[in-house]
Structure formats: structure tokens, C-alpha cells
Amino acid sequence: MARKKEPERVGINRTKIMSSAQALFLQKGTEQTKMEDIAAQAGICKATLYTYYPNKTAVLSDIALEGMKYLQQILTEKTDPRDSVHDNFIHLCRAMTQFREKFPVGFEMLLQNIGVEEAQLQADPALQETYDTGEQVNEQLIRVFAGAFPGQNRQQMVAILLQFWAEITGLILLAYNKERYIRKSCRQSRMEFLDDGFERLYQQLQAESVKS
């Protein structure tokens, strides 16, 4: 009778598979990466890979889920409604940068269209958990930033947060994709460029707050 895998070993193997898959997705793109490529990169046989993931979509779903959990964790650690709006906004920006550093594929998936219909969520437990975790992150951020936008209801705050996501993620993607150009033309490191950009985004936030 085959022995069951120890939970710790299962966790290590899944982490190794996701890390290997991310490297390949970044190098070759998700469409060009095959399951056998992921197995070879992870140093396991293809049959073993299929005991963890039935297909590439499941690998991507797990990367998105782990990335969202990681983002929730660092936001919980770094943001606090008792801190100033400025400090919380900068913490949010830096948490998003950490997220991009650790889960680059998950970061880009955050910007893509994911299934939100009930039938889609029920059919994919990882997608359901990713969606639920994302909603929990939104609730965290609404609590943190509600003071900056008094009188706004939840629907309005979600719209404001989506604008935050668009502006912050856009800046982070630019900093990574144009790092060499930034060093040459701006004489700044990626983080120096981002810190300056985050402060400018905060100034925009202040202006929007005054309008509201």
C-alpha cells in the first residue's frame, strides 16, 4: 500500500513547483510553458507533478492564491487604522512592491480579468479562496483609508481602492520593466524611483480627499 505524503513534504513540494513554474512563466510565458517543463524545472517526474496539479491552470490558480495570501499577511503586519493616512498609503505601496518581488506572476494575474461569477467560483476552490481573500484585503483597506474619505459608502470606497490598485501597480510595473532606462535617465535605483512615485501618488490622494 502506498504511503501517504507527509503534510510538510507536500507543502515543500508545492512551493518548489510554484517557484519553478513562476520562473518558467516569466521566461517563456504561460502559453509556451508545458507541464513537462515545470516538472523538469522542479526536478520531479511529470507523473509526480500530476499528483499535485491536474493541469497548468491549477498551478496558476495556486500561485494567484498564495500571492493574495502573502499580500494579505504583509498588509495586516504593516497597516493600522491608528497610523496616519500617509504612513498607511506608503505601507500599502511597499507591500505591493514586496508582492511583485515574491510573486511576479501572481502580481500580474491580479491585474487580469478573473472569474467572479458564482458558477465559476464554485467550480474552482482555489479561485473561490483567492476571491474571498481579495475581498478580505479590500475590507482591510477600507478600514484603513475610510478616514481619508468621510461620507463614502462601501461601493464608493471599493471604486477608490480600484483606482489605488491601478495607479500603484502601474507604477510598480513601469519601475520593473524600465529599470535600466530609469537608472540611465533618472539616475535613480528602482526603489528610489518608486519611493518618489509613491509620494506623488499620495499627493494625488490628498487632492482627491479634499474634493470628496
Foldseek 3Di string as FASTA:
>chain_A
DDDDDDPVVLVVLLVLLLVLLQVCCVVPNLVPDALCSSCVSSVHGSVVSCVNPVGSVRSLLVLLLVLLVQLLVQLVVQADLVDDLLSSLVSNLVSLLVSCVVRVSNSVVVVDDDDDDPVRCVVRVSSVSSVVSVVVSLVSVCSNCCVLADPDDSVRSVVVVVVSSVQSSVLSVCLVVCQVVCCVPVVDGSVVSSVVSSVVVVVVSNVVSVVD
